[in-house]
Amino acid sequence: SLQVRGLCGTYNGDQQDEFATPAGDVESSVSAFTDKYRAPGACPARGPFATDPCDAYAGQRDAAEAACAVLHSSAFQ
């Protein structure tokens, strides 16, 4: 069966495992969870009081919305 995981969550109806990391553990905060998926050297680690990424990287909004549109396409319905 097809399984979804990663930054998109597990899409299995169980909200307790949505922050599952690549190592299989479950983080309790968004910052800690997203840090586990951060590409080394791509950007600095987020602190515990992370800002809204749309505010911090406003110039990236169009690219992010285009990438997320794929997840809302018929391929994932």
PDB file of N, CA and C in Angstrom:
ATOM      1  N   SER A   1       0.834  -1.192   0.000  1.00  0.00           N
ATOM      2  CA  SER A   1       0.000   0.000   0.000  1.00  0.00           C
ATOM      3  C   SER A   1       0.879   1.256   0.000  1.00  0.00           C
ATOM      4  N   LEU A   2       0.373   2.298  -0.563  1.00  0.00           N
ATOM      5  CA  LEU A   2       1.090   3.562  -0.652  1.00  0.00           C
ATOM      6  C   LEU A   2       1.082   4.254   0.703  1.00  0.00           C
ATOM      7  N   GLN A   3       2.237   4.704   1.152  1.00  0.00           N
ATOM      8  CA  GLN A   3       2.328   5.401   2.423  1.00  0.00           C
ATOM      9  C   GLN A   3       2.902   6.783   2.201  1.00  0.00           C
ATOM     10  N   VAL A   4       2.296   7.767   2.846  1.00  0.00           N
ATOM     11  CA  VAL A   4       2.771   9.146   2.772  1.00  0.00           C
ATOM     12  C   VAL A   4       3.484   9.449   4.070  1.00  0.00           C
ATOM     13  N   ARG A   5       4.621  10.132   3.963  1.00  0.00           N
ATOM     14  CA  ARG A   5       5.327  10.551   5.166  1.00  0.00           C
ATOM     15  C   ARG A   5       6.211  11.725   4.812  1.00  0.00           C
ATOM     16  N   GLY A   6       6.851  12.298   5.800  1.00  0.00           N
ATOM     17  CA  GLY A   6       7.699  13.451   5.569  1.00  0.00           C
ATOM     18  C   GLY A   6       7.011  14.719   6.028  1.00  0.00           C
ATOM     19  N   LEU A   7       7.369  15.825   5.411  1.00  0.00           N
ATOM     20  CA  LEU A   7       6.808  17.107   5.815  1.00  0.00           C
ATOM     21  C   LEU A   7       5.307  17.183   5.571  1.00  0.00           C
ATOM     22  N   CYS A   8       4.771  16.311   4.736  1.00  0.00           N
ATOM     23  CA  CYS A   8       3.331  16.290   4.470  1.00  0.00           C
ATOM     24  C   CYS A   8       2.566  15.547   5.555  1.00  0.00           C
ATOM     25  N   GLY A   9       3.244  14.897   6.459  1.00  0.00           N
ATOM     26  CA  GLY A   9       2.566  14.092   7.465  1.00  0.00           C
ATOM     27  C   GLY A   9       2.349  12.682   6.938  1.00  0.00           C
ATOM     28  N   THR A  10       1.563  11.892   7.636  1.00  0.00           N
ATOM     29  CA  THR A  10       1.345  10.506   7.261  1.00  0.00           C
ATOM     30  C   THR A  10       0.025  10.281   6.532  1.00  0.00           C
ATOM     31  N   TYR A  11      -0.893  11.224   6.642  1.00  0.00           N
ATOM     32  CA  TYR A  11      -2.191  11.156   5.974  1.00  0.00           C
ATOM     33  C   TYR A  11      -2.910   9.841   6.266  1.00  0.00           C
ATOM     34  N   ASN A  12      -2.848   9.426   7.535  1.00  0.00           N
ATOM     35  CA  ASN A  12      -3.508   8.182   7.926  1.00  0.00           C
ATOM     36  C   ASN A  12      -4.644   8.423   8.922  1.00  0.00           C
ATOM     37  N   GLY A  13      -4.970   9.690   9.176  1.00  0.00           N
ATOM     38  CA  GLY A  13      -6.054  10.006  10.105  1.00  0.00           C
ATOM     39  C   GLY A  13      -5.620  10.063  11.555  1.00  0.00           C
ATOM     40  N   ASP A  14      -4.396   9.691  11.863  1.00  0.00           N
ATOM     41  CA  ASP A  14      -3.889   9.708  13.232  1.00  0.00           C
ATOM     42  C   ASP A  14      -2.990  10.927  13.407  1.00  0.00           C
ATOM     43  N   GLN A  15      -3.473  11.946  14.086  1.00  0.00           N
ATOM     44  CA  GLN A  15      -2.702  13.169  14.245  1.00  0.00           C
ATOM     45  C   GLN A  15      -1.531  13.010  15.209  1.00  0.00           C
ATOM     46  N   GLN A  16      -1.459  11.908  15.923  1.00  0.00           N
ATOM     47  CA  GLN A  16      -0.379  11.703  16.887  1.00  0.00           C
ATOM     48  C   GLN A  16       0.953  11.400  16.210  1.00  0.00           C
ATOM     49  N   ASP A  17       0.927  10.996  14.938  1.00  0.00           N
ATOM     50  CA  ASP A  17       2.190  10.657  14.276  1.00  0.00           C
ATOM     51  C   ASP A  17       2.518  11.591  13.111  1.00  0.00           C
ATOM     52  N   GLU A  18       1.890  12.747  13.054  1.00  0.00           N
ATOM     53  CA  GLU A  18       2.128  13.671  11.947  1.00  0.00           C
ATOM     54  C   GLU A  18       3.543  14.247  11.944  1.00  0.00           C
ATOM     55  N   PHE A  19       4.202  14.334  13.090  1.00  0.00           N
ATOM     56  CA  PHE A  19       5.542  14.889  13.160  1.00  0.00           C
ATOM     57  C   PHE A  19       6.591  13.789  13.206  1.00  0.00           C
ATOM     58  N   ALA A  20       6.363  12.678  12.486  1.00  0.00           N
ATOM     59  CA  ALA A  20       7.330  11.591  12.435  1.00  0.00           C
ATOM     60  C   ALA A  20       8.541  12.032  11.615  1.00  0.00           C
ATOM     61  N   THR A  21       9.721  11.783  12.141  1.00  0.00           N
ATOM     62  CA  THR A  21      10.973  12.202  11.498  1.00  0.00           C
ATOM     63  C   THR A  21      11.512  11.070  10.618  1.00  0.00           C
ATOM     64  N   PRO A  22      12.526  11.348   9.809  1.00  0.00           N
ATOM     65  CA  PRO A  22      13.121  10.290   8.989  1.00  0.00           C
ATOM     66  C   PRO A  22      13.647   9.114   9.824  1.00  0.00           C
ATOM     67  N   ALA A  23      14.042   9.385  11.062  1.00  0.00           N
ATOM     68  CA  ALA A  23      14.551   8.330  11.938  1.00  0.00           C
ATOM     69  C   ALA A  23      13.427   7.512  12.583  1.00  0.00           C
ATOM     70  N   GLY A  24      12.176   7.975  12.418  1.00  0.00           N
ATOM     71  CA  GLY A  24      11.043   7.237  12.964  1.00  0.00           C
ATOM     72  C   GLY A  24      10.553   7.726  14.310  1.00  0.00           C
ATOM     73  N   ASP A  25      11.259   8.676  14.931  1.00  0.00           N
ATOM     74  CA  ASP A  25      10.771   9.224  16.193  1.00  0.00           C
ATOM     75  C   ASP A  25       9.735  10.306  15.870  1.00  0.00           C
ATOM     76  N   VAL A  26       9.003  10.748  16.877  1.00  0.00           N
ATOM     77  CA  VAL A  26       7.968  11.762  16.689  1.00  0.00           C
ATOM     78  C   VAL A  26       8.331  12.989  17.509  1.00  0.00           C
ATOM     79  N   GLU A  27       8.471  14.114  16.835  1.00  0.00           N
ATOM     80  CA  GLU A  27       8.795  15.371  17.520  1.00  0.00           C
ATOM     81  C   GLU A  27       7.514  16.020  18.038  1.00  0.00           C
ATOM     82  N   SER A  28       7.656  16.855  19.055  1.00  0.00           N
ATOM     83  CA  SER A  28       6.478  17.508  19.635  1.00  0.00           C
ATOM     84  C   SER A  28       6.314  18.951  19.182  1.00  0.00           C
ATOM     85  N   SER A  29       7.340  19.522  18.531  1.00  0.00           N
ATOM     86  CA  SER A  29       7.218  20.907  18.085  1.00  0.00           C
ATOM     87  C   SER A  29       7.504  21.011  16.592  1.00  0.00           C
ATOM     88  N   VAL A  30       6.910  22.010  15.969  1.00  0.00           N
ATOM     89  CA  VAL A  30       7.095  22.230  14.541  1.00  0.00           C
ATOM     90  C   VAL A  30       8.560  22.510  14.228  1.00  0.00           C
ATOM     91  N   SER A  31       9.216  23.347  15.037  1.00  0.00           N
ATOM     92  CA  SER A  31      10.613  23.693  14.790  1.00  0.00           C
ATOM     93  C   SER A  31      11.514  22.463  14.807  1.00  0.00           C
ATOM     94  N   ALA A  32      11.353  21.629  15.817  1.00  0.00           N
ATOM     95  CA  ALA A  32      12.183  20.426  15.919  1.00  0.00           C
ATOM     96  C   ALA A  32      11.897  19.470  14.761  1.00  0.00           C
ATOM     97  N   PHE A  33      10.635  19.355  14.391  1.00  0.00           N
ATOM     98  CA  PHE A  33      10.247  18.470  13.288  1.00  0.00           C
ATOM     99  C   PHE A  33      10.837  18.923  11.961  1.00  0.00           C
ATOM    100  N   THR A  34      10.655  20.200  11.627  1.00  0.00           N
ATOM    101  CA  THR A  34      11.148  20.685  10.341  1.00  0.00           C
ATOM    102  C   THR A  34      12.676  20.671  10.279  1.00  0.00           C
ATOM    103  N   ASP A  35      13.313  20.834  11.413  1.00  0.00           N
ATOM    104  CA  ASP A  35      14.773  20.802  11.448  1.00  0.00           C
ATOM    105  C   ASP A  35      15.310  19.433  11.034  1.00  0.00           C
ATOM    106  N   LYS A  36      14.566  18.375  11.318  1.00  0.00           N
ATOM    107  CA  LYS A  36      14.998  17.019  10.960  1.00  0.00           C
ATOM    108  C   LYS A  36      15.001  16.816   9.447  1.00  0.00           C
ATOM    109  N   TYR A  37      14.223  17.612   8.715  1.00  0.00           N
ATOM    110  CA  TYR A  37      14.147  17.487   7.267  1.00  0.00           C
ATOM    111  C   TYR A  37      14.965  18.552   6.536  1.00  0.00           C
ATOM    112  N   ARG A  38      15.632  19.412   7.289  1.00  0.00           N
ATOM    113  CA  ARG A  38      16.423  20.493   6.683  1.00  0.00           C
ATOM    114  C   ARG A  38      17.641  19.917   5.986  1.00  0.00           C
ATOM    115  N   ALA A  39      17.864  20.358   4.745  1.00  0.00           N
ATOM    116  CA  ALA A  39      19.040  19.913   4.002  1.00  0.00           C
ATOM    117  C   ALA A  39      20.271  20.563   4.614  1.00  0.00           C
ATOM    118  N   PRO A  40      21.326  19.789   4.870  1.00  0.00           N
ATOM    119  CA  PRO A  40      22.541  20.354   5.465  1.00  0.00           C
ATOM    120  C   PRO A  40      23.082  21.512   4.631  1.00  0.00           C
ATOM    121  N   GLY A  41      23.317  22.618   5.280  1.00  0.00           N
ATOM    122  CA  GLY A  41      23.886  23.784   4.619  1.00  0.00           C
ATOM    123  C   GLY A  41      22.898  24.606   3.818  1.00  0.00           C
ATOM    124  N   ALA A  42      21.655  24.161   3.697  1.00  0.00           N
ATOM    125  CA  ALA A  42      20.678  24.871   2.876  1.00  0.00           C
ATOM    126  C   ALA A  42      20.191  26.149   3.542  1.00  0.00           C
ATOM    127  N   CYS A  43      20.001  26.107   4.830  1.00  0.00           N
ATOM    128  CA  CYS A  43      19.534  27.274   5.567  1.00  0.00           C
ATOM    129  C   CYS A  43      19.818  27.045   7.047  1.00  0.00           C
ATOM    130  N   PRO A  44      19.850  28.099   7.830  1.00  0.00           N
ATOM    131  CA  PRO A  44      20.141  27.927   9.257  1.00  0.00           C
ATOM    132  C   PRO A  44      19.005  27.218   9.981  1.00  0.00           C
ATOM    133  N   ALA A  45      19.350  26.524  11.044  1.00  0.00           N
ATOM    134  CA  ALA A  45      18.341  25.860  11.867  1.00  0.00           C
ATOM    135  C   ALA A  45      17.414  26.902  12.462  1.00  0.00           C
ATOM    136  N   ARG A  46      16.160  26.543  12.589  1.00  0.00           N
ATOM    137  CA  ARG A  46      15.180  27.455  13.168  1.00  0.00           C
ATOM    138  C   ARG A  46      15.252  27.378  14.680  1.00  0.00           C
ATOM    139  N   GLY A  47      15.071  28.481  15.320  1.00  0.00           N
ATOM    140  CA  GLY A  47      15.081  28.515  16.770  1.00  0.00           C
ATOM    141  C   GLY A  47      13.734  28.085  17.328  1.00  0.00           C
ATOM    142  N   PRO A  48      13.609  28.021  18.645  1.00  0.00           N
ATOM    143  CA  PRO A  48      12.348  27.593  19.254  1.00  0.00           C
ATOM    144  C   PRO A  48      11.213  28.587  19.016  1.00  0.00           C
ATOM    145  N   PHE A  49      11.543  29.836  18.693  1.00  0.00           N
ATOM    146  CA  PHE A  49      10.512  30.839  18.448  1.00  0.00           C
ATOM    147  C   PHE A  49      10.560  31.232  16.976  1.00  0.00           C
ATOM    148  N   ALA A  50      10.310  30.266  16.131  1.00  0.00           N
ATOM    149  CA  ALA A  50      10.428  30.469  14.688  1.00  0.00           C
ATOM    150  C   ALA A  50       9.375  31.442  14.178  1.00  0.00           C
ATOM    151  N   THR A  51       9.801  32.234  13.205  1.00  0.00           N
ATOM    152  CA  THR A  51       8.867  33.152  12.574  1.00  0.00           C
ATOM    153  C   THR A  51       8.112  32.429  11.473  1.00  0.00           C
ATOM    154  N   ASP A  52       7.059  33.037  11.015  1.00  0.00           N
ATOM    155  CA  ASP A  52       6.290  32.492   9.911  1.00  0.00           C
ATOM    156  C   ASP A  52       7.185  32.482   8.677  1.00  0.00           C
ATOM    157  N   PRO A  53       7.372  31.329   8.023  1.00  0.00           N
ATOM    158  CA  PRO A  53       8.269  31.285   6.870  1.00  0.00           C
ATOM    159  C   PRO A  53       7.826  32.206   5.732  1.00  0.00           C
ATOM    160  N   CYS A  54       6.543  32.468   5.620  1.00  0.00           N
ATOM    161  CA  CYS A  54       6.080  33.365   4.562  1.00  0.00           C
ATOM    162  C   CYS A  54       6.521  34.800   4.843  1.00  0.00           C
ATOM    163  N   ASP A  55       6.677  35.155   6.110  1.00  0.00           N
ATOM    164  CA  ASP A  55       7.164  36.486   6.460  1.00  0.00           C
ATOM    165  C   ASP A  55       8.686  36.557   6.294  1.00  0.00           C
ATOM    166  N   ALA A  56       9.370  35.508   6.688  1.00  0.00           N
ATOM    167  CA  ALA A  56      10.829  35.499   6.651  1.00  0.00           C
ATOM    168  C   ALA A  56      11.380  35.384   5.230  1.00  0.00           C
ATOM    169  N   TYR A  57      10.650  34.705   4.354  1.00  0.00           N
ATOM    170  CA  TYR A  57      11.115  34.476   2.985  1.00  0.00           C
ATOM    171  C   TYR A  57      10.034  34.873   1.985  1.00  0.00           C
ATOM    172  N   ALA A  58       9.591  36.104   2.078  1.00  0.00           N
ATOM    173  CA  ALA A  58       8.481  36.580   1.240  1.00  0.00           C
ATOM    174  C   ALA A  58       8.763  36.397  -0.246  1.00  0.00           C
ATOM    175  N   GLY A  59      10.000  36.510  -0.669  1.00  0.00           N
ATOM    176  CA  GLY A  59      10.347  36.351  -2.074  1.00  0.00           C
ATOM    177  C   GLY A  59      10.194  34.930  -2.582  1.00  0.00           C
ATOM    178  N   GLN A  60      10.053  33.978  -1.689  1.00  0.00           N
ATOM    179  CA  GLN A  60       9.908  32.570  -2.063  1.00  0.00           C
ATOM    180  C   GLN A  60       8.456  32.113  -2.124  1.00  0.00           C
ATOM    181  N   ARG A  61       7.515  33.007  -1.809  1.00  0.00           N
ATOM    182  CA  ARG A  61       6.100  32.619  -1.718  1.00  0.00           C
ATOM    183  C   ARG A  61       5.597  31.978  -3.011  1.00  0.00           C
ATOM    184  N   ASP A  62       5.870  32.577  -4.174  1.00  0.00           N
ATOM    185  CA  ASP A  62       5.372  32.037  -5.438  1.00  0.00           C
ATOM    186  C   ASP A  62       5.891  30.624  -5.691  1.00  0.00           C
ATOM    187  N   ALA A  63       7.172  30.414  -5.434  1.00  0.00           N
ATOM    188  CA  ALA A  63       7.754  29.085  -5.642  1.00  0.00           C
ATOM    189  C   ALA A  63       7.135  28.066  -4.680  1.00  0.00           C
ATOM    190  N   ALA A  64       6.920  28.470  -3.445  1.00  0.00           N
ATOM    191  CA  ALA A  64       6.332  27.566  -2.453  1.00  0.00           C
ATOM    192  C   ALA A  64       4.894  27.220  -2.811  1.00  0.00           C
ATOM    193  N   GLU A  65       4.132  28.217  -3.246  1.00  0.00           N
ATOM    194  CA  GLU A  65       2.743  27.955  -3.621  1.00  0.00           C
ATOM    195  C   GLU A  65       2.673  27.043  -4.843  1.00  0.00           C
ATOM    196  N   ALA A  66       3.587  27.203  -5.793  1.00  0.00           N
ATOM    197  CA  ALA A  66       3.610  26.336  -6.970  1.00  0.00           C
ATOM    198  C   ALA A  66       3.943  24.897  -6.571  1.00  0.00           C
ATOM    199  N   ALA A  67       4.904  24.739  -5.666  1.00  0.00           N
ATOM    200  CA  ALA A  67       5.277  23.400  -5.218  1.00  0.00           C
ATOM    201  C   ALA A  67       4.135  22.736  -4.435  1.00  0.00           C
ATOM    202  N   CYS A  68       3.461  23.509  -3.611  1.00  0.00           N
ATOM    203  CA  CYS A  68       2.356  22.959  -2.826  1.00  0.00           C
ATOM    204  C   CYS A  68       1.134  22.649  -3.692  1.00  0.00           C
ATOM    205  N   ALA A  69       0.990  23.355  -4.795  1.00  0.00           N
ATOM    206  CA  ALA A  69      -0.139  23.108  -5.698  1.00  0.00           C
ATOM    207  C   ALA A  69      -0.113  21.672  -6.199  1.00  0.00           C
ATOM    208  N   VAL A  70       1.077  21.111  -6.336  1.00  0.00           N
ATOM    209  CA  VAL A  70       1.198  19.716  -6.770  1.00  0.00           C
ATOM    210  C   VAL A  70       0.497  18.802  -5.775  1.00  0.00           C
ATOM    211  N   LEU A  71       0.631  19.099  -4.494  1.00  0.00           N
ATOM    212  CA  LEU A  71       0.011  18.254  -3.449  1.00  0.00           C
ATOM    213  C   LEU A  71      -1.501  18.347  -3.472  1.00  0.00           C
ATOM    214  N   HIS A  72      -2.030  19.422  -4.011  1.00  0.00           N
ATOM    215  CA  HIS A  72      -3.474  19.590  -4.092  1.00  0.00           C
ATOM    216  C   HIS A  72      -4.030  19.138  -5.440  1.00  0.00           C
ATOM    217  N   SER A  73      -3.191  18.602  -6.295  1.00  0.00           N
ATOM    218  CA  SER A  73      -3.610  18.165  -7.629  1.00  0.00           C
ATOM    219  C   SER A  73      -4.338  16.824  -7.539  1.00  0.00           C
ATOM    220  N   SER A  74      -4.912  16.438  -8.661  1.00  0.00           N
ATOM    221  CA  SER A  74      -5.662  15.186  -8.713  1.00  0.00           C
ATOM    222  C   SER A  74      -4.790  13.960  -8.433  1.00  0.00           C
ATOM    223  N   ALA A  75      -3.484  14.076  -8.639  1.00  0.00           N
ATOM    224  CA  ALA A  75      -2.582  12.936  -8.378  1.00  0.00           C
ATOM    225  C   ALA A  75      -2.602  12.506  -6.917  1.00  0.00           C
ATOM    226  N   PHE A  76      -2.918  13.419  -6.010  1.00  0.00           N
ATOM    227  CA  PHE A  76      -2.917  13.111  -4.578  1.00  0.00           C
ATOM    228  C   PHE A  76      -4.315  13.025  -3.981  1.00  0.00           C
ATOM    229  N   GLN A  77      -5.321  12.938  -4.819  1.00  0.00           N
ATOM    230  CA  GLN A  77      -6.689  12.828  -4.296  1.00  0.00           C
ATOM    231  C   GLN A  77      -7.093  11.393  -4.110  1.00  0.00           C
TER     232      GLN A  77
END
